[in-house]
Amino acid sequence: TAHLAALQIGALLKGCCCLAEEIFHLQSRHHGSLWMVLSACFPPRWHLALLLVSGSAYLDLLQGDRLSPHLALTCLCQLLILALRL
């Protein structure tokens, strides 16, 4: 389950990076539709998995003041994978 969660966190982070880039093209590519931008960055097949990972991260934050070290390390590793294109 940890490996599946890591893959989904990677997909979530990649979608967030894509969203940060696509927001600058809101008018030219997506005709001002924020829904079209979100659909382009987070495909519908990811929605349930991303909801589960985001929900578990939120519950993790509610239990403590910060993210657990395991979840934070997983996020950092996935960001490195995205940055190095591995």
N, C-alpha and C. Protein backbone atom coordinates (compact mmCIF):
# COMPACT_ATOMS: atom_id res chain seq x y z
N THR A 1 0.82 -1.20 0.00
CA THR A 1 0.00 0.00 0.00
C THR A 1 0.86 1.26 0.00
N ALA A 2 2.03 1.17 0.63
CA ALA A 2 2.90 2.35 0.65
C ALA A 2 3.39 2.67 -0.75
N HIS A 3 3.68 1.65 -1.54
CA HIS A 3 4.13 1.88 -2.91
C HIS A 3 3.01 2.49 -3.75
N LEU A 4 1.80 1.99 -3.60
CA LEU A 4 0.66 2.55 -4.32
C LEU A 4 0.42 3.99 -3.92
N ALA A 5 0.52 4.27 -2.62
CA ALA A 5 0.35 5.65 -2.15
C ALA A 5 1.45 6.54 -2.72
N ALA A 6 2.68 6.04 -2.80
CA ALA A 6 3.78 6.83 -3.36
C ALA A 6 3.53 7.15 -4.83
N LEU A 7 3.03 6.17 -5.57
CA LEU A 7 2.71 6.42 -6.98
C LEU A 7 1.61 7.47 -7.12
N GLN A 8 0.61 7.40 -6.27
CA GLN A 8 -0.47 8.36 -6.35
C GLN A 8 -0.02 9.75 -5.90
N ILE A 9 0.86 9.81 -4.92
CA ILE A 9 1.41 11.10 -4.50
C ILE A 9 2.21 11.70 -5.65
N GLY A 10 2.95 10.85 -6.36
CA GLY A 10 3.68 11.33 -7.54
C GLY A 10 2.75 11.89 -8.59
N ALA A 11 1.63 11.20 -8.82
CA ALA A 11 0.65 11.69 -9.79
C ALA A 11 0.03 13.01 -9.33
N LEU A 12 -0.25 13.12 -8.04
CA LEU A 12 -0.81 14.35 -7.50
C LEU A 12 0.17 15.51 -7.66
N LEU A 13 1.44 15.27 -7.33
CA LEU A 13 2.45 16.33 -7.46
C LEU A 13 2.66 16.73 -8.91
N LYS A 14 2.66 15.74 -9.80
CA LYS A 14 2.81 16.04 -11.22
C LYS A 14 1.62 16.87 -11.72
N GLY A 15 0.42 16.53 -11.26
CA GLY A 15 -0.76 17.31 -11.62
C GLY A 15 -0.70 18.73 -11.08
N CYS A 16 -0.18 18.89 -9.88
CA CYS A 16 -0.04 20.23 -9.29
C CYS A 16 0.97 21.07 -10.08
N CYS A 17 2.07 20.44 -10.50
CA CYS A 17 3.06 21.15 -11.32
C CYS A 17 2.45 21.54 -12.66
N CYS A 18 1.68 20.64 -13.23
CA CYS A 18 0.99 20.91 -14.50
C CYS A 18 -0.01 22.05 -14.32
N LEU A 19 -0.73 22.04 -13.20
CA LEU A 19 -1.71 23.09 -12.92
C LEU A 19 -1.03 24.45 -12.81
N ALA A 20 0.13 24.47 -12.14
CA ALA A 20 0.86 25.74 -12.00
C ALA A 20 1.28 26.28 -13.36
N GLU A 21 1.61 25.40 -14.29
CA GLU A 21 2.01 25.84 -15.63
C GLU A 21 0.78 26.22 -16.47
N GLU A 22 -0.27 25.43 -16.39
CA GLU A 22 -1.45 25.66 -17.23
C GLU A 22 -2.26 26.88 -16.81
N ILE A 23 -2.14 27.31 -15.57
CA ILE A 23 -2.92 28.46 -15.10
C ILE A 23 -2.52 29.72 -15.87
N PHE A 24 -1.27 29.75 -16.40
CA PHE A 24 -0.84 30.91 -17.19
C PHE A 24 -1.47 30.90 -18.58
N HIS A 25 -1.98 29.77 -19.01
CA HIS A 25 -2.60 29.65 -20.33
C HIS A 25 -4.12 29.51 -20.23
N LEU A 26 -4.68 30.01 -19.15
CA LEU A 26 -6.11 29.87 -18.90
C LEU A 26 -6.94 30.45 -20.03
N GLN A 27 -6.61 31.62 -20.49
CA GLN A 27 -7.39 32.27 -21.54
C GLN A 27 -7.08 31.72 -22.93
N SER A 28 -5.80 31.51 -23.22
CA SER A 28 -5.43 31.12 -24.58
C SER A 28 -5.77 29.68 -24.93
N ARG A 29 -5.57 28.76 -24.00
CA ARG A 29 -5.81 27.34 -24.28
C ARG A 29 -7.17 26.84 -23.84
N HIS A 30 -7.65 27.37 -22.71
CA HIS A 30 -8.85 26.81 -22.08
C HIS A 30 -10.03 27.78 -22.06
N HIS A 31 -9.91 28.90 -22.75
CA HIS A 31 -10.99 29.88 -22.90
C HIS A 31 -11.58 30.33 -21.56
N GLY A 32 -10.71 30.44 -20.55
CA GLY A 32 -11.14 30.95 -19.25
C GLY A 32 -11.82 29.93 -18.35
N SER A 33 -11.89 28.68 -18.76
CA SER A 33 -12.58 27.66 -17.98
C SER A 33 -11.61 26.97 -17.02
N LEU A 34 -11.79 27.22 -15.74
CA LEU A 34 -10.95 26.58 -14.74
C LEU A 34 -11.21 25.08 -14.69
N TRP A 35 -12.44 24.67 -14.96
CA TRP A 35 -12.78 23.25 -14.98
C TRP A 35 -11.99 22.51 -16.07
N MET A 36 -11.82 23.14 -17.23
CA MET A 36 -11.04 22.52 -18.30
C MET A 36 -9.57 22.39 -17.90
N VAL A 37 -9.05 23.37 -17.18
CA VAL A 37 -7.67 23.31 -16.71
C VAL A 37 -7.51 22.15 -15.72
N LEU A 38 -8.44 22.03 -14.78
CA LEU A 38 -8.37 20.96 -13.80
C LEU A 38 -8.50 19.59 -14.46
N SER A 39 -9.37 19.48 -15.45
CA SER A 39 -9.54 18.21 -16.15
C SER A 39 -8.30 17.85 -16.96
N ALA A 40 -7.61 18.85 -17.48
CA ALA A 40 -6.39 18.59 -18.24
C ALA A 40 -5.24 18.16 -17.32
N CYS A 41 -5.19 18.71 -16.12
CA CYS A 41 -4.09 18.40 -15.21
C CYS A 41 -4.34 17.15 -14.37
N PHE A 42 -5.59 16.90 -14.05
CA PHE A 42 -5.96 15.74 -13.25
C PHE A 42 -7.00 14.94 -14.01
N PRO A 43 -6.56 13.97 -14.83
CA PRO A 43 -7.51 13.17 -15.62
C PRO A 43 -8.51 12.45 -14.72
N PRO A 44 -9.72 12.21 -15.24
CA PRO A 44 -10.78 11.58 -14.43
C PRO A 44 -10.38 10.23 -13.83
N ARG A 45 -9.50 9.50 -14.47
CA ARG A 45 -9.12 8.19 -13.92
C ARG A 45 -8.31 8.33 -12.63
N TRP A 46 -7.79 9.51 -12.33
CA TRP A 46 -7.02 9.73 -11.11
C TRP A 46 -7.88 10.20 -9.95
N HIS A 47 -9.10 10.63 -10.20
CA HIS A 47 -9.88 11.33 -9.18
C HIS A 47 -10.04 10.54 -7.88
N LEU A 48 -10.42 9.27 -7.95
CA LEU A 48 -10.64 8.50 -6.73
C LEU A 48 -9.34 8.28 -5.97
N ALA A 49 -8.29 7.90 -6.68
CA ALA A 49 -7.01 7.66 -6.02
C ALA A 49 -6.47 8.94 -5.39
N LEU A 50 -6.59 10.05 -6.10
CA LEU A 50 -6.10 11.32 -5.56
C LEU A 50 -6.93 11.75 -4.35
N LEU A 51 -8.22 11.47 -4.38
CA LEU A 51 -9.08 11.79 -3.25
C LEU A 51 -8.66 10.98 -2.02
N LEU A 52 -8.35 9.70 -2.22
CA LEU A 52 -7.93 8.86 -1.10
C LEU A 52 -6.59 9.32 -0.52
N VAL A 53 -5.62 9.63 -1.37
CA VAL A 53 -4.31 10.07 -0.89
C VAL A 53 -4.43 11.44 -0.22
N SER A 54 -5.18 12.35 -0.81
CA SER A 54 -5.34 13.67 -0.22
C SER A 54 -6.07 13.58 1.12
N GLY A 55 -7.07 12.72 1.18
CA GLY A 55 -7.80 12.53 2.43
C GLY A 55 -6.92 11.94 3.52
N SER A 56 -6.08 10.98 3.17
CA SER A 56 -5.19 10.39 4.18
C SER A 56 -4.15 11.40 4.65
N ALA A 57 -3.66 12.25 3.74
CA ALA A 57 -2.72 13.30 4.14
C ALA A 57 -3.40 14.32 5.06
N TYR A 58 -4.65 14.64 4.76
CA TYR A 58 -5.40 15.58 5.61
C TYR A 58 -5.61 14.98 7.00
N LEU A 59 -5.98 13.70 7.06
CA LEU A 59 -6.16 13.05 8.36
C LEU A 59 -4.85 12.97 9.12
N ASP A 60 -3.76 12.79 8.41
CA ASP A 60 -2.44 12.77 9.04
C ASP A 60 -2.13 14.14 9.65
N LEU A 61 -2.51 15.20 8.96
CA LEU A 61 -2.28 16.55 9.49
C LEU A 61 -3.16 16.83 10.71
N LEU A 62 -4.37 16.28 10.72
CA LEU A 62 -5.27 16.50 11.86
C LEU A 62 -4.74 15.83 13.13
N GLN A 63 -4.05 14.71 12.99
CA GLN A 63 -3.56 13.98 14.16
C GLN A 63 -2.34 14.65 14.79
N GLY A 64 -1.60 15.40 14.01
CA GLY A 64 -0.40 16.06 14.54
C GLY A 64 -0.26 17.45 13.97
N ASP A 65 0.79 18.12 14.35
CA ASP A 65 1.03 19.47 13.88
C ASP A 65 1.58 19.51 12.46
N ARG A 66 2.21 18.41 12.04
CA ARG A 66 2.84 18.39 10.72
C ARG A 66 2.69 17.00 10.11
N LEU A 67 3.15 16.88 8.87
CA LEU A 67 3.08 15.59 8.18
C LEU A 67 4.00 14.58 8.85
N SER A 68 3.61 13.32 8.78
CA SER A 68 4.48 12.29 9.31
C SER A 68 5.76 12.25 8.48
N PRO A 69 6.86 11.84 9.08
CA PRO A 69 8.13 11.80 8.32
C PRO A 69 8.05 10.88 7.10
N HIS A 70 7.31 9.79 7.20
CA HIS A 70 7.20 8.86 6.07
C HIS A 70 6.49 9.52 4.89
N LEU A 71 5.40 10.23 5.15
CA LEU A 71 4.66 10.90 4.08
C LEU A 71 5.48 12.05 3.49
N ALA A 72 6.17 12.80 4.33
CA ALA A 72 7.01 13.89 3.84
C ALA A 72 8.17 13.36 3.00
N LEU A 73 8.79 12.27 3.42
CA LEU A 73 9.88 11.67 2.66
C LEU A 73 9.38 11.13 1.32
N THR A 74 8.20 10.55 1.31
CA THR A 74 7.61 10.06 0.06
C THR A 74 7.37 11.21 -0.91
N CYS A 75 6.87 12.33 -0.41
CA CYS A 75 6.63 13.50 -1.27
C CYS A 75 7.95 14.04 -1.83
N LEU A 76 8.96 14.12 -0.99
CA LEU A 76 10.26 14.61 -1.46
C LEU A 76 10.87 13.69 -2.51
N CYS A 77 10.75 12.39 -2.30
CA CYS A 77 11.28 11.43 -3.28
C CYS A 77 10.54 11.56 -4.61
N GLN A 78 9.23 11.72 -4.56
CA GLN A 78 8.46 11.85 -5.80
C GLN A 78 8.80 13.16 -6.52
N LEU A 79 9.04 14.23 -5.78
CA LEU A 79 9.45 15.49 -6.41
C LEU A 79 10.82 15.35 -7.08
N LEU A 80 11.73 14.62 -6.44
CA LEU A 80 13.04 14.36 -7.05
C LEU A 80 12.89 13.54 -8.34
N ILE A 81 12.03 12.54 -8.30
CA ILE A 81 11.79 11.73 -9.50
C ILE A 81 11.24 12.59 -10.63
N LEU A 82 10.31 13.49 -10.31
CA LEU A 82 9.77 14.38 -11.34
C LEU A 82 10.84 15.34 -11.86
N ALA A 83 11.66 15.88 -10.94
CA ALA A 83 12.67 16.85 -11.35
C ALA A 83 13.77 16.21 -12.21
N LEU A 84 14.12 14.97 -11.89
CA LEU A 84 15.18 14.28 -12.63
C LEU A 84 14.66 13.47 -13.80
N ARG A 85 13.35 13.47 -13.96
CA ARG A 85 12.68 12.75 -15.07
C ARG A 85 13.04 11.26 -15.08
N LEU A 86 12.98 10.65 -13.91
CA LEU A 86 13.26 9.21 -13.81
C LEU A 86 11.99 8.40 -14.02
